[in-house]
Amino acid sequence: MPTLTLRSKVQALHYVSEIRGQISDGHWENLNVRDHWQPWCDCEVRVGSPQGRDFFVKYDRYGLTSKSLLHVVGNRMIRRAQIMIAFGPELVEPLMRLFDEFEDDCPYVGIRYETKRGFKLAGAYWDGQRATARAACESLQADPEDVAREILLVEYSMVDLKRDLREVSAAMKARV
């Protein structure tokens, strides 16, 4: 199986949870290079050394640190990294549900689901999101508000994200 090897688990998380999707269906979906996305979406991602890829690609010059990309997905990527650092990879997606998609720093678990924009995240979908987040917090034997606070205290910033993305980009360009 084609393999992309990255330096850290956080970089692998960024690749699997965001970059892969941006290459295929998001930021670069209309790139004028036919099927550029296929090898990137089909590869296995590992953490180790040396960093790089062992497969042929038609295109490898994705601007992972571009302002237009990070404006849309940067905070979400930072939040995932913070959760990974605090609680490990298994709880990243369930605990992402502690934060609503409109006000990234506003936990919406329990009764705190009214956003600063004045509308409520109500209905079956949002109830399910809160239930998933609460179940993840219960597995930690912790209150959702305390878990959210602990996540927000993890030191991982846009500077760290850009550093990691530059390294991911270099690995995507390197043949090993």
C-alpha atoms as a PDB file:
ATOM      1  CA  MET A   1       0.000   0.000   0.000  1.00  0.00           C
ATOM      2  CA  PRO A   2       1.304   3.489  -0.811  1.00  0.00           C
ATOM      3  CA  THR A   3       2.507   5.205   2.351  1.00  0.00           C
ATOM      4  CA  LEU A   4       3.011   8.784   3.491  1.00  0.00           C
ATOM      5  CA  THR A   5       5.236   8.977   6.560  1.00  0.00           C
ATOM      6  CA  LEU A   6       4.970  12.023   8.830  1.00  0.00           C
ATOM      7  CA  ARG A   7       6.920  13.143  11.910  1.00  0.00           C
ATOM      8  CA  SER A   8       4.152  13.237  14.537  1.00  0.00           C
ATOM      9  CA  LYS A   9       0.729  11.945  15.471  1.00  0.00           C
ATOM     10  CA  VAL A  10      -0.636  15.482  15.328  1.00  0.00           C
ATOM     11  CA  GLN A  11       0.601  15.857  11.745  1.00  0.00           C
ATOM     12  CA  ALA A  12      -0.974  12.513  10.844  1.00  0.00           C
ATOM     13  CA  LEU A  13      -4.236  13.697  12.428  1.00  0.00           C
ATOM     14  CA  HIS A  14      -4.156  16.902  10.357  1.00  0.00           C
ATOM     15  CA  TYR A  15      -3.559  14.911   7.187  1.00  0.00           C
ATOM     16  CA  VAL A  16      -6.243  12.285   7.785  1.00  0.00           C
ATOM     17  CA  SER A  17      -8.918  14.528   9.283  1.00  0.00           C
ATOM     18  CA  GLU A  18      -8.551  17.650   7.141  1.00  0.00           C
ATOM     19  CA  ILE A  19      -5.915  17.773   4.409  1.00  0.00           C
ATOM     20  CA  ARG A  20      -7.065  14.642   2.617  1.00  0.00           C
ATOM     21  CA  GLY A  21     -10.613  15.999   2.362  1.00  0.00           C
ATOM     22  CA  GLN A  22      -9.457  19.444   1.268  1.00  0.00           C
ATOM     23  CA  ILE A  23      -7.426  17.858  -1.542  1.00  0.00           C
ATOM     24  CA  SER A  24     -10.320  15.733  -2.793  1.00  0.00           C
ATOM     25  CA  ASP A  25     -13.493  17.729  -2.117  1.00  0.00           C
ATOM     26  CA  GLY A  26     -12.498  21.067  -0.685  1.00  0.00           C
ATOM     27  CA  HIS A  27      -9.922  23.740  -1.285  1.00  0.00           C
ATOM     28  CA  TRP A  28      -8.243  21.947  -4.229  1.00  0.00           C
ATOM     29  CA  GLU A  29     -11.187  20.041  -5.701  1.00  0.00           C
ATOM     30  CA  ASN A  30     -11.190  22.112  -8.895  1.00  0.00           C
ATOM     31  CA  LEU A  31      -7.458  21.929  -9.494  1.00  0.00           C
ATOM     32  CA  ASN A  32      -6.772  21.546 -13.191  1.00  0.00           C
ATOM     33  CA  VAL A  33      -4.748  18.329 -12.765  1.00  0.00           C
ATOM     34  CA  ARG A  34      -6.825  15.254 -13.530  1.00  0.00           C
ATOM     35  CA  ASP A  35      -7.164  12.806 -10.617  1.00  0.00           C
ATOM     36  CA  HIS A  36      -4.486  14.637  -8.596  1.00  0.00           C
ATOM     37  CA  TRP A  37      -6.314  13.670  -5.411  1.00  0.00           C
ATOM     38  CA  GLN A  38      -6.428   9.876  -5.823  1.00  0.00           C
ATOM     39  CA  PRO A  39      -3.000   8.843  -4.530  1.00  0.00           C
ATOM     40  CA  TRP A  40      -3.291  11.271  -1.617  1.00  0.00           C
ATOM     41  CA  CYS A  41      -6.639   9.837  -0.582  1.00  0.00           C
ATOM     42  CA  ASP A  42      -5.625   6.204  -1.105  1.00  0.00           C
ATOM     43  CA  CYS A  43      -2.350   6.263   0.823  1.00  0.00           C
ATOM     44  CA  GLU A  44      -1.760   4.923   4.304  1.00  0.00           C
ATOM     45  CA  VAL A  45      -0.429   7.484   6.785  1.00  0.00           C
ATOM     46  CA  ARG A  46       2.250   6.493   9.288  1.00  0.00           C
ATOM     47  CA  VAL A  47       4.346   8.265  11.871  1.00  0.00           C
ATOM     48  CA  GLY A  48       8.064   7.638  11.658  1.00  0.00           C
ATOM     49  CA  SER A  49      11.233   8.312   9.763  1.00  0.00           C
ATOM     50  CA  PRO A  50      12.226   9.164   7.123  1.00  0.00           C
ATOM     51  CA  GLN A  51       9.361  11.494   6.317  1.00  0.00           C
ATOM     52  CA  GLY A  52       8.061  11.355   2.782  1.00  0.00           C
ATOM     53  CA  ARG A  53       6.029   9.284   0.339  1.00  0.00           C
ATOM     54  CA  ASP A  54       6.791   6.068  -1.492  1.00  0.00           C
ATOM     55  CA  PHE A  55       4.384   6.581  -4.398  1.00  0.00           C
ATOM     56  CA  PHE A  56       4.051   8.613  -7.587  1.00  0.00           C
ATOM     57  CA  VAL A  57       1.794  11.675  -7.684  1.00  0.00           C
ATOM     58  CA  LYS A  58       0.784  14.046 -10.464  1.00  0.00           C
ATOM     59  CA  TYR A  59       0.746  17.044  -8.148  1.00  0.00           C
ATOM     60  CA  ASP A  60       2.377  17.829  -4.804  1.00  0.00           C
ATOM     61  CA  ARG A  61       2.410  21.621  -4.509  1.00  0.00           C
ATOM     62  CA  TYR A  62      -0.607  22.151  -2.273  1.00  0.00           C
ATOM     63  CA  GLY A  63      -0.340  25.370  -0.280  1.00  0.00           C
ATOM     64  CA  LEU A  64      -1.170  23.883   3.101  1.00  0.00           C
ATOM     65  CA  THR A  65      -0.423  27.131   4.929  1.00  0.00           C
ATOM     66  CA  SER A  66      -2.365  29.388   2.560  1.00  0.00           C
ATOM     67  CA  LYS A  67      -4.321  32.149   4.237  1.00  0.00           C
ATOM     68  CA  SER A  68      -7.491  31.267   2.327  1.00  0.00           C
ATOM     69  CA  LEU A  69      -7.376  27.661   3.557  1.00  0.00           C
ATOM     70  CA  LEU A  70      -6.462  28.390   7.176  1.00  0.00           C
ATOM     71  CA  HIS A  71      -9.093  31.115   7.390  1.00  0.00           C
ATOM     72  CA  VAL A  72     -11.704  28.399   6.866  1.00  0.00           C
ATOM     73  CA  VAL A  73     -10.226  25.343   8.625  1.00  0.00           C
ATOM     74  CA  GLY A  74      -7.395  26.650  10.825  1.00  0.00           C
ATOM     75  CA  ASN A  75      -9.306  26.924  14.106  1.00  0.00           C
ATOM     76  CA  ARG A  76     -10.849  23.497  13.598  1.00  0.00           C
ATOM     77  CA  MET A  77      -7.412  21.989  12.989  1.00  0.00           C
ATOM     78  CA  ILE A  78      -5.997  23.693  16.079  1.00  0.00           C
ATOM     79  CA  ARG A  79      -8.880  22.390  18.169  1.00  0.00           C
ATOM     80  CA  ARG A  80      -8.331  18.810  16.940  1.00  0.00           C
ATOM     81  CA  ALA A  81      -4.638  19.065  17.804  1.00  0.00           C
ATOM     82  CA  GLN A  82      -5.460  20.359  21.280  1.00  0.00           C
ATOM     83  CA  ILE A  83      -7.832  17.451  21.877  1.00  0.00           C
ATOM     84  CA  MET A  84      -5.277  14.936  20.573  1.00  0.00           C
ATOM     85  CA  ILE A  85      -2.592  16.333  22.864  1.00  0.00           C
ATOM     86  CA  ALA A  86      -4.903  16.398  25.887  1.00  0.00           C
ATOM     87  CA  PHE A  87      -6.835  13.152  25.457  1.00  0.00           C
ATOM     88  CA  GLY A  88      -5.407  11.079  22.595  1.00  0.00           C
ATOM     89  CA  PRO A  89      -6.648  10.185  19.123  1.00  0.00           C
ATOM     90  CA  GLU A  90      -9.678   8.096  20.096  1.00  0.00           C
ATOM     91  CA  LEU A  91     -11.537  11.041  21.607  1.00  0.00           C
ATOM     92  CA  VAL A  92     -10.746  13.687  18.990  1.00  0.00           C
ATOM     93  CA  GLU A  93     -13.957  13.469  16.973  1.00  0.00           C
ATOM     94  CA  PRO A  94     -16.348  12.899  19.918  1.00  0.00           C
ATOM     95  CA  LEU A  95     -14.820  15.811  21.841  1.00  0.00           C
ATOM     96  CA  MET A  96     -14.890  18.080  18.779  1.00  0.00           C
ATOM     97  CA  ARG A  97     -18.628  18.092  19.416  1.00  0.00           C
ATOM     98  CA  LEU A  98     -18.007  20.148  22.552  1.00  0.00           C
ATOM     99  CA  PHE A  99     -17.496  23.109  20.238  1.00  0.00           C
ATOM    100  CA  ASP A 100     -20.123  24.352  17.848  1.00  0.00           C
ATOM    101  CA  GLU A 101     -19.255  25.091  14.259  1.00  0.00           C
ATOM    102  CA  PHE A 102     -20.315  28.730  14.480  1.00  0.00           C
ATOM    103  CA  GLU A 103     -18.542  29.945  17.605  1.00  0.00           C
ATOM    104  CA  ASP A 104     -15.452  27.770  17.788  1.00  0.00           C
ATOM    105  CA  ASP A 105     -14.603  28.601  21.399  1.00  0.00           C
ATOM    106  CA  CYS A 106     -18.163  28.319  22.707  1.00  0.00           C
ATOM    107  CA  PRO A 107     -18.920  24.944  24.313  1.00  0.00           C
ATOM    108  CA  TYR A 108     -22.490  23.934  23.556  1.00  0.00           C
ATOM    109  CA  VAL A 109     -22.786  20.937  25.855  1.00  0.00           C
ATOM    110  CA  GLY A 110     -25.693  20.741  28.270  1.00  0.00           C
ATOM    111  CA  ILE A 111     -27.621  23.963  28.653  1.00  0.00           C
ATOM    112  CA  ARG A 112     -24.914  26.146  27.049  1.00  0.00           C
ATOM    113  CA  TYR A 113     -25.976  25.807  23.459  1.00  0.00           C
ATOM    114  CA  GLU A 114     -27.123  29.288  22.642  1.00  0.00           C
ATOM    115  CA  THR A 115     -24.483  31.034  20.573  1.00  0.00           C
ATOM    116  CA  LYS A 116     -23.395  34.636  20.580  1.00  0.00           C
ATOM    117  CA  ARG A 117     -25.254  35.051  17.304  1.00  0.00           C
ATOM    118  CA  GLY A 118     -28.563  34.653  19.112  1.00  0.00           C
ATOM    119  CA  PHE A 119     -29.854  31.360  17.742  1.00  0.00           C
ATOM    120  CA  LYS A 120     -29.980  27.997  19.400  1.00  0.00           C
ATOM    121  CA  LEU A 121     -28.384  24.846  18.124  1.00  0.00           C
ATOM    122  CA  ALA A 122     -31.523  22.847  18.676  1.00  0.00           C
ATOM    123  CA  GLY A 123     -33.101  19.778  17.197  1.00  0.00           C
ATOM    124  CA  ALA A 124     -32.309  16.091  16.909  1.00  0.00           C
ATOM    125  CA  TYR A 125     -28.959  16.579  15.158  1.00  0.00           C
ATOM    126  CA  TRP A 126     -27.579  18.922  17.821  1.00  0.00           C
ATOM    127  CA  ASP A 127     -29.041  16.802  20.605  1.00  0.00           C
ATOM    128  CA  GLY A 128     -27.107  13.870  19.141  1.00  0.00           C
ATOM    129  CA  GLN A 129     -23.925  15.931  18.972  1.00  0.00           C
ATOM    130  CA  ARG A 130     -24.271  16.905  22.629  1.00  0.00           C
ATOM    131  CA  ALA A 131     -25.016  13.298  23.623  1.00  0.00           C
ATOM    132  CA  THR A 132     -21.867  12.100  21.824  1.00  0.00           C
ATOM    133  CA  ALA A 133     -19.775  14.758  23.572  1.00  0.00           C
ATOM    134  CA  ARG A 134     -21.303  13.965  26.970  1.00  0.00           C
ATOM    135  CA  ALA A 135     -20.609  10.235  26.493  1.00  0.00           C
ATOM    136  CA  ALA A 136     -16.960  10.997  25.686  1.00  0.00           C
ATOM    137  CA  CYS A 137     -16.723  13.156  28.805  1.00  0.00           C
ATOM    138  CA  GLU A 138     -18.315  10.421  30.895  1.00  0.00           C
ATOM    139  CA  SER A 139     -15.652   8.011  29.625  1.00  0.00           C
ATOM    140  CA  LEU A 140     -13.133  10.447  31.127  1.00  0.00           C
ATOM    141  CA  GLN A 141     -15.241  10.701  34.307  1.00  0.00           C
ATOM    142  CA  ALA A 142     -15.292  14.461  33.864  1.00  0.00           C
ATOM    143  CA  ASP A 143     -17.802  17.256  33.441  1.00  0.00           C
ATOM    144  CA  PRO A 144     -18.075  18.538  29.822  1.00  0.00           C
ATOM    145  CA  GLU A 145     -17.318  22.103  30.865  1.00  0.00           C
ATOM    146  CA  ASP A 146     -14.121  20.944  32.616  1.00  0.00           C
ATOM    147  CA  VAL A 147     -13.083  18.900  29.580  1.00  0.00           C
ATOM    148  CA  ALA A 148     -13.684  21.870  27.263  1.00  0.00           C
ATOM    149  CA  ARG A 149     -11.679  24.124  29.571  1.00  0.00           C
ATOM    150  CA  GLU A 150      -8.799  21.613  29.642  1.00  0.00           C
ATOM    151  CA  ILE A 151      -8.795  21.419  25.842  1.00  0.00           C
ATOM    152  CA  LEU A 152      -8.677  25.205  25.514  1.00  0.00           C
ATOM    153  CA  LEU A 153      -5.672  25.344  27.877  1.00  0.00           C
ATOM    154  CA  VAL A 154      -3.521  23.130  25.645  1.00  0.00           C
ATOM    155  CA  GLU A 155      -0.790  25.227  24.073  1.00  0.00           C
ATOM    156  CA  TYR A 156      -1.116  24.683  20.341  1.00  0.00           C
ATOM    157  CA  SER A 157      -1.513  27.811  18.247  1.00  0.00           C
ATOM    158  CA  MET A 158      -1.668  28.937  14.635  1.00  0.00           C
ATOM    159  CA  VAL A 159       2.144  29.177  14.747  1.00  0.00           C
ATOM    160  CA  ASP A 160       2.333  25.493  15.732  1.00  0.00           C
ATOM    161  CA  LEU A 161      -0.217  24.541  13.084  1.00  0.00           C
ATOM    162  CA  LYS A 162       1.688  26.339  10.331  1.00  0.00           C
ATOM    163  CA  ARG A 163       4.950  24.693  11.431  1.00  0.00           C
ATOM    164  CA  ASP A 164       3.300  21.267  11.310  1.00  0.00           C
ATOM    165  CA  LEU A 165       1.717  21.983   7.930  1.00  0.00           C
ATOM    166  CA  ARG A 166       5.048  23.113   6.463  1.00  0.00           C
ATOM    167  CA  GLU A 167       6.537  19.784   7.586  1.00  0.00           C
ATOM    168  CA  VAL A 168       3.585  17.846   6.144  1.00  0.00           C
ATOM    169  CA  SER A 169       4.007  19.719   2.867  1.00  0.00           C
ATOM    170  CA  ALA A 170       7.728  18.874   2.781  1.00  0.00           C
ATOM    171  CA  ALA A 171       6.925  15.197   3.439  1.00  0.00           C
ATOM    172  CA  MET A 172       4.348  15.226   0.640  1.00  0.00           C
ATOM    173  CA  LYS A 173       7.042  16.450  -1.762  1.00  0.00           C
ATOM    174  CA  ALA A 174       9.777  14.048  -0.611  1.00  0.00           C
ATOM    175  CA  ARG A 175      10.164  10.630  -2.258  1.00  0.00           C
ATOM    176  CA  VAL A 176      11.564   7.968   0.064  1.00  0.00           C
END
